[in-house]
N, C-alpha and C. Protein backbone atom coordinates (compact mmCIF):
# COMPACT_ATOMS: atom_id res chain seq x y z
N UNK A 1 117.29 -4.64 23.67
CA UNK A 1 118.10 -3.45 24.55
C UNK A 1 117.03 -1.99 24.10
N UNK A 2 116.67 -1.50 24.62
CA UNK A 2 116.14 -0.52 24.68
C UNK A 2 117.11 0.89 24.89
N UNK A 3 116.58 2.75 24.26
CA UNK A 3 117.37 3.69 24.10
C UNK A 3 116.46 4.35 25.01
N UNK A 4 117.39 4.74 26.01
CA UNK A 4 117.06 6.33 26.92
C UNK A 4 116.40 7.09 26.02
N UNK A 5 115.40 7.85 25.54
CA UNK A 5 114.75 8.67 24.62
C UNK A 5 115.34 9.95 25.25
N UNK A 6 116.22 10.11 26.59
CA UNK A 6 116.58 11.27 27.05
C UNK A 6 118.28 11.45 26.72
N UNK A 7 118.86 10.54 26.73
CA UNK A 7 120.31 10.29 27.11
C UNK A 7 121.19 9.74 26.07
N UNK A 8 120.15 8.87 25.50
CA UNK A 8 120.19 7.98 24.25
C UNK A 8 121.07 6.79 24.50
N UNK A 9 121.65 6.44 26.10
CA UNK A 9 122.22 5.49 26.62
C UNK A 9 121.20 4.26 26.50
N UNK A 10 121.54 2.89 26.15
CA UNK A 10 121.14 1.54 25.79
C UNK A 10 120.75 0.76 27.64
N UNK A 11 119.44 0.63 27.55
CA UNK A 11 119.13 0.31 28.58
C UNK A 11 118.40 -1.09 28.79
N UNK A 12 118.98 -2.55 29.17
CA UNK A 12 118.28 -3.49 29.41
C UNK A 12 116.60 -3.41 30.23
N UNK A 13 115.52 -3.52 28.93
CA UNK A 13 114.41 -3.46 29.71
C UNK A 13 114.03 -4.43 31.50
N UNK A 14 114.58 -5.40 30.95
CA UNK A 14 114.94 -7.06 31.98
C UNK A 14 114.91 -5.78 33.29
N UNK A 15 116.25 -4.91 33.13
CA UNK A 15 116.61 -5.19 34.72
C UNK A 15 116.51 -3.26 35.06
N UNK A 16 115.95 -2.62 34.19
CA UNK A 16 116.13 -1.37 34.15
C UNK A 16 115.02 -0.52 35.59
N UNK A 17 115.26 -0.22 36.30
CA UNK A 17 114.62 -0.05 37.17
C UNK A 17 113.73 1.56 37.45
N UNK A 18 114.33 2.48 36.23
CA UNK A 18 113.24 3.18 35.96
C UNK A 18 112.48 3.17 34.23
N UNK A 19 111.44 2.95 35.22
CA UNK A 19 110.44 3.40 33.44
C UNK A 19 109.37 3.99 33.39
N UNK A 20 108.74 4.44 32.33
CA UNK A 20 107.35 5.21 32.16
C UNK A 20 106.62 5.27 31.10
N UNK A 21 105.48 5.27 31.50
CA UNK A 21 104.47 4.52 30.25
C UNK A 21 104.01 6.07 29.38
N UNK A 22 103.90 6.23 28.06
CA UNK A 22 103.60 7.59 27.47
C UNK A 22 102.95 7.44 26.24
N UNK A 23 101.87 7.42 25.85
CA UNK A 23 100.79 7.13 25.08
C UNK A 23 100.83 5.89 24.33
N UNK A 24 100.64 4.86 25.61
CA UNK A 24 100.61 3.36 25.61
C UNK A 24 102.15 2.42 25.05
N UNK A 25 102.79 3.86 25.19
CA UNK A 25 104.62 2.96 25.01
C UNK A 25 105.38 3.00 26.45
N UNK A 26 106.30 2.12 26.42
CA UNK A 26 106.76 2.20 28.01
C UNK A 26 108.10 2.67 27.01
N UNK A 27 108.77 3.66 28.27
CA UNK A 27 109.84 4.07 27.86
C UNK A 27 110.95 3.97 28.62
N UNK A 28 112.26 3.57 28.93
CA UNK A 28 112.96 2.63 29.86
C UNK A 28 114.62 3.86 30.26
N UNK A 29 114.86 4.06 31.15
CA UNK A 29 116.06 5.06 31.34
C UNK A 29 117.11 4.73 32.58
N UNK A 30 118.36 5.48 32.03
CA UNK A 30 119.18 4.69 32.90
C UNK A 30 119.13 5.29 34.42
N UNK A 31 118.72 6.63 34.42
CA UNK A 31 118.98 7.17 35.48
C UNK A 31 117.12 7.57 36.17
N UNK A 32 117.35 8.22 37.30
CA UNK A 32 115.98 8.81 38.00
C UNK A 32 116.25 10.20 37.33
N UNK A 33 117.15 10.64 37.00
CA UNK A 33 117.29 11.93 36.14
C UNK A 33 116.51 12.03 35.41
N UNK A 34 117.13 11.43 34.07
CA UNK A 34 116.33 11.12 32.69
C UNK A 34 114.80 10.67 33.01
N UNK A 35 114.51 10.04 33.92
CA UNK A 35 113.00 9.45 34.08
C UNK A 35 112.39 11.33 34.07
N UNK A 36 112.97 11.53 35.36
CA UNK A 36 112.07 13.11 35.47
C UNK A 36 111.62 14.25 34.52
N UNK A 37 113.40 14.41 33.52
CA UNK A 37 113.04 15.24 32.58
C UNK A 37 112.65 14.67 31.64
N UNK A 38 112.23 13.48 31.12
CA UNK A 38 111.16 13.09 30.25
C UNK A 38 109.48 13.08 30.75
N UNK A 39 109.28 12.83 32.24
CA UNK A 39 108.59 12.83 32.39
C UNK A 39 107.88 14.81 32.56
N UNK A 40 108.78 15.68 32.81
CA UNK A 40 108.61 16.52 32.58
C UNK A 40 108.03 17.27 31.00
N UNK A 41 108.23 16.81 30.17
CA UNK A 41 108.18 16.92 28.97
C UNK A 41 108.72 16.05 27.81
N UNK A 42 107.72 15.64 27.98
CA UNK A 42 107.49 13.93 26.94
C UNK A 42 107.52 13.91 25.24
N UNK A 43 106.65 15.20 25.42
CA UNK A 43 107.02 15.59 23.73
C UNK A 43 108.31 15.82 23.11
N UNK A 44 109.06 16.24 24.04
CA UNK A 44 110.20 16.77 23.29
C UNK A 44 111.30 15.69 22.97
N UNK A 45 110.59 14.57 23.35
CA UNK A 45 111.62 13.38 23.57
C UNK A 45 111.52 12.63 22.92
N UNK A 46 109.62 12.64 22.38
CA UNK A 46 109.35 11.47 21.75
C UNK A 46 108.92 12.10 20.50
N UNK A 47 108.92 13.54 20.04
CA UNK A 47 108.88 13.52 18.37
C UNK A 47 109.45 13.22 17.58
N UNK A 48 110.58 13.09 17.72
CA UNK A 48 111.78 12.14 17.16
C UNK A 48 111.68 11.28 16.65
N UNK A 49 111.54 10.25 17.74
CA UNK A 49 111.19 8.57 17.28
C UNK A 49 109.73 8.74 16.95
N UNK A 50 109.29 9.77 16.79
CA UNK A 50 107.35 8.93 16.01
C UNK A 50 107.99 9.38 14.42
């Protein structure tokens, strides 16, 4: 399982409907809203993970 970087929910990458590539990594999202939030400011959601 992957963790949605916006809301921290677990997401199954095999069935995830929403995903985004950023700096060579794929991020998976539970909803379109989380994907849009991430794409508007990816640094906000990847700082803690780095």
